[in-house]
Each structure stands twice: as C-alpha cells, then as structure tokens.
Amino acid sequence: MKKHSVLANIIILTSLCLLLACTHHGDVDENDLDRMMARLENELGHSNEYDSLKCERINDLKRQLTQANTITDSIHLNNQLIHEYESYISDSSMRYITENQDLAKKKQ
C-alpha cells in the first residue's frame, strides 16, 4: 500500500487553509505562524510512520476476517475495515461496503 494517504492530503490542505485564514484576520502573529508551520512540517515528516500503522491495523483486521466464524463477525470486521479505508483508499472502502451488503442479504 504505497499510495499517499488521502487523509494526509486533507490534513495538509485544512491546516494550510486555517493558517491562511488566521493570518489574514490578524489572529496569529509571525512567531505563532512559524511554530505552527514547524509543527506541520514535523507531522508530515512522520507520515510514513502513520501510513505503516494504518497498514498494520488493516492487515490485522483482514487476518481476523479470514478467521471470522459468523456472518455477524464478518460484518463487524468489514465495518472496521470500511472505517480504516474510508479516508485512505476509498475504492477499498467501497469493496467492503459491497461485501457487507452481500452478507446482510445472506443473513436474512
């Protein structure tokens, strides 16, 4: 999973918009802006770590899914995968949504 996180892009854009809005209205002085930019750059420097942690959570959930004993367990694990993927790789999120729809039909 070497795709750049959509969530990371959203966080970056949101942070930059907030910084611009604050500086435009005079709510933030230059020192505050420098500190915020340094913090943002620091967090961005850790993006590979954040992606690795997300991949670990996803892989663990997939492993659990292969061992699920009931349809209800599978649906629950799929919901967790949907949540993990929804702001990360939306196509994968849609896959698990569709799978849950199919499982729900089987359960009826």
C-alpha atoms as a PDB file:
ATOM      1  CA  MET A   1       0.000   0.000   0.000  1.00  0.00           C
ATOM      2  CA  LYS A   2       2.353   2.708  -1.170  1.00  0.00           C
ATOM      3  CA  LYS A   3      -0.404   5.179  -2.127  1.00  0.00           C
ATOM      4  CA  HIS A   4      -0.185   8.557  -0.461  1.00  0.00           C
ATOM      5  CA  SER A   5      -2.877   8.864   2.135  1.00  0.00           C
ATOM      6  CA  VAL A   6      -5.930  10.900   1.175  1.00  0.00           C
ATOM      7  CA  LEU A   7      -6.298  11.731   4.855  1.00  0.00           C
ATOM      8  CA  ALA A   8      -2.793  13.199   4.898  1.00  0.00           C
ATOM      9  CA  ASN A   9      -3.685  15.422   1.947  1.00  0.00           C
ATOM     10  CA  ILE A  10      -6.879  16.562   3.658  1.00  0.00           C
ATOM     11  CA  ILE A  11      -4.993  17.367   6.862  1.00  0.00           C
ATOM     12  CA  ILE A  12      -2.361  19.324   4.953  1.00  0.00           C
ATOM     13  CA  LEU A  13      -4.903  21.353   2.987  1.00  0.00           C
ATOM     14  CA  THR A  14      -7.050  22.010   6.051  1.00  0.00           C
ATOM     15  CA  SER A  15      -4.046  23.118   8.080  1.00  0.00           C
ATOM     16  CA  LEU A  16      -2.849  25.446   5.357  1.00  0.00           C
ATOM     17  CA  CYS A  17      -6.321  26.935   4.946  1.00  0.00           C
ATOM     18  CA  LEU A  18      -6.579  27.540   8.696  1.00  0.00           C
ATOM     19  CA  LEU A  19      -3.153  29.152   8.755  1.00  0.00           C
ATOM     20  CA  LEU A  20      -4.052  31.421   5.870  1.00  0.00           C
ATOM     21  CA  ALA A  21      -7.380  32.369   7.435  1.00  0.00           C
ATOM     22  CA  CYS A  22      -5.766  33.178  10.779  1.00  0.00           C
ATOM     23  CA  THR A  23      -3.016  35.288   9.259  1.00  0.00           C
ATOM     24  CA  HIS A  24      -5.493  37.101   7.034  1.00  0.00           C
ATOM     25  CA  HIS A  25      -7.614  38.119  10.034  1.00  0.00           C
ATOM     26  CA  GLY A  26      -4.598  39.044  12.155  1.00  0.00           C
ATOM     27  CA  ASP A  27      -5.366  36.398  14.796  1.00  0.00           C
ATOM     28  CA  VAL A  28      -1.866  34.894  14.574  1.00  0.00           C
ATOM     29  CA  ASP A  29       1.444  36.681  14.756  1.00  0.00           C
ATOM     30  CA  GLU A  30       4.515  35.656  12.789  1.00  0.00           C
ATOM     31  CA  ASN A  31       6.051  33.668  15.668  1.00  0.00           C
ATOM     32  CA  ASP A  32       2.847  31.643  16.055  1.00  0.00           C
ATOM     33  CA  LEU A  33       2.775  31.029  12.335  1.00  0.00           C
ATOM     34  CA  ASP A  34       6.395  29.846  12.358  1.00  0.00           C
ATOM     35  CA  ARG A  35       5.662  27.455  15.240  1.00  0.00           C
ATOM     36  CA  MET A  36       2.577  26.084  13.501  1.00  0.00           C
ATOM     37  CA  MET A  37       4.453  25.588  10.245  1.00  0.00           C
ATOM     38  CA  ALA A  38       7.279  23.805  12.086  1.00  0.00           C
ATOM     39  CA  ARG A  39       4.740  21.526  13.791  1.00  0.00           C
ATOM     40  CA  LEU A  40       3.014  20.810  10.480  1.00  0.00           C
ATOM     41  CA  GLU A  41       6.337  20.002   8.809  1.00  0.00           C
ATOM     42  CA  ASN A  42       7.247  17.734  11.733  1.00  0.00           C
ATOM     43  CA  GLU A  43       3.967  15.845  11.465  1.00  0.00           C
ATOM     44  CA  LEU A  44       4.372  15.499   7.715  1.00  0.00           C
ATOM     45  CA  GLY A  45       7.799  14.031   8.352  1.00  0.00           C
ATOM     46  CA  HIS A  46       6.088  11.222  10.259  1.00  0.00           C
ATOM     47  CA  SER A  47       3.567  10.430   7.511  1.00  0.00           C
ATOM     48  CA  ASN A  48       5.314   7.168   6.575  1.00  0.00           C
ATOM     49  CA  GLU A  49       5.028   6.025  10.185  1.00  0.00           C
ATOM     50  CA  TYR A  50       1.328   6.896  10.248  1.00  0.00           C
ATOM     51  CA  ASP A  51       0.788   5.023   6.979  1.00  0.00           C
ATOM     52  CA  SER A  52       2.655   1.995   8.352  1.00  0.00           C
ATOM     53  CA  LEU A  53       0.484   1.944  11.477  1.00  0.00           C
ATOM     54  CA  LYS A  54      -2.653   2.161   9.359  1.00  0.00           C
ATOM     55  CA  CYS A  55      -1.416  -0.704   7.158  1.00  0.00           C
ATOM     56  CA  GLU A  56      -0.747  -2.802  10.252  1.00  0.00           C
ATOM     57  CA  ARG A  57      -4.285  -2.171  11.543  1.00  0.00           C
ATOM     58  CA  ILE A  58      -5.747  -3.027   8.135  1.00  0.00           C
ATOM     59  CA  ASN A  59      -3.699  -6.207   7.782  1.00  0.00           C
ATOM     60  CA  ASP A  60      -4.683  -7.302  11.292  1.00  0.00           C
ATOM     61  CA  LEU A  61      -8.363  -6.769  10.501  1.00  0.00           C
ATOM     62  CA  LYS A  62      -8.016  -8.715   7.235  1.00  0.00           C
ATOM     63  CA  ARG A  63      -6.366 -11.576   9.131  1.00  0.00           C
ATOM     64  CA  GLN A  64      -9.209 -11.577  11.652  1.00  0.00           C
ATOM     65  CA  LEU A  65     -11.722 -11.533   8.793  1.00  0.00           C
ATOM     66  CA  THR A  66     -10.269 -14.752   7.344  1.00  0.00           C
ATOM     67  CA  GLN A  67     -10.880 -16.373  10.742  1.00  0.00           C
ATOM     68  CA  ALA A  68     -14.393 -14.997  11.309  1.00  0.00           C
ATOM     69  CA  ASN A  69     -16.831 -17.704  12.391  1.00  0.00           C
ATOM     70  CA  THR A  70     -20.149 -15.962  11.774  1.00  0.00           C
ATOM     71  CA  ILE A  71     -21.692 -13.572   9.284  1.00  0.00           C
ATOM     72  CA  THR A  72     -22.139 -11.089  12.133  1.00  0.00           C
ATOM     73  CA  ASP A  73     -18.415 -11.237  12.917  1.00  0.00           C
ATOM     74  CA  SER A  74     -17.588 -10.704   9.244  1.00  0.00           C
ATOM     75  CA  ILE A  75     -19.913  -7.709   9.034  1.00  0.00           C
ATOM     76  CA  HIS A  76     -18.378  -6.218  12.173  1.00  0.00           C
ATOM     77  CA  LEU A  77     -14.823  -6.643  10.837  1.00  0.00           C
ATOM     78  CA  ASN A  78     -15.843  -5.287   7.432  1.00  0.00           C
ATOM     79  CA  ASN A  79     -17.236  -2.206   9.190  1.00  0.00           C
ATOM     80  CA  GLN A  80     -13.889  -1.678  10.863  1.00  0.00           C
ATOM     81  CA  LEU A  81     -12.115  -2.065   7.509  1.00  0.00           C
ATOM     82  CA  ILE A  82     -14.540   0.417   5.941  1.00  0.00           C
ATOM     83  CA  HIS A  83     -13.667   2.893   8.669  1.00  0.00           C
ATOM     84  CA  GLU A  84      -9.914   2.368   8.187  1.00  0.00           C
ATOM     85  CA  TYR A  85     -10.134   2.708   4.416  1.00  0.00           C
ATOM     86  CA  GLU A  86     -12.735   5.495   4.055  1.00  0.00           C
ATOM     87  CA  SER A  87     -10.233   8.356   4.203  1.00  0.00           C
ATOM     88  CA  TYR A  88      -7.288   6.309   2.971  1.00  0.00           C
ATOM     89  CA  ILE A  89      -8.193   4.294  -0.136  1.00  0.00           C
ATOM     90  CA  SER A  90     -11.868   4.854  -0.885  1.00  0.00           C
ATOM     91  CA  ASP A  91     -12.086   2.116  -3.548  1.00  0.00           C
ATOM     92  CA  SER A  92     -11.189  -0.457  -0.920  1.00  0.00           C
ATOM     93  CA  SER A  93     -13.753   1.007   1.433  1.00  0.00           C
ATOM     94  CA  MET A  94     -16.406   0.539  -1.251  1.00  0.00           C
ATOM     95  CA  ARG A  95     -15.349  -3.099  -1.678  1.00  0.00           C
ATOM     96  CA  TYR A  96     -16.111  -3.840   1.973  1.00  0.00           C
ATOM     97  CA  ILE A  97     -19.384  -1.910   1.834  1.00  0.00           C
ATOM     98  CA  THR A  98     -20.477  -4.096  -1.082  1.00  0.00           C
ATOM     99  CA  GLU A  99     -19.329  -7.213   0.758  1.00  0.00           C
ATOM    100  CA  ASN A 100     -21.390  -6.193   3.794  1.00  0.00           C
ATOM    101  CA  GLN A 101     -24.450  -5.696   1.611  1.00  0.00           C
ATOM    102  CA  ASP A 102     -23.999  -9.218   0.239  1.00  0.00           C
ATOM    103  CA  LEU A 103     -23.506 -10.646   3.740  1.00  0.00           C
ATOM    104  CA  ALA A 104     -26.605  -8.849   5.014  1.00  0.00           C
ATOM    105  CA  LYS A 105     -28.667 -10.441   2.219  1.00  0.00           C
ATOM    106  CA  LYS A 106     -27.334 -13.886   3.175  1.00  0.00           C
ATOM    107  CA  LYS A 107     -28.173 -13.258   6.819  1.00  0.00           C
ATOM    108  CA  GLN A 108     -31.843 -12.521   6.092  1.00  0.00           C
END
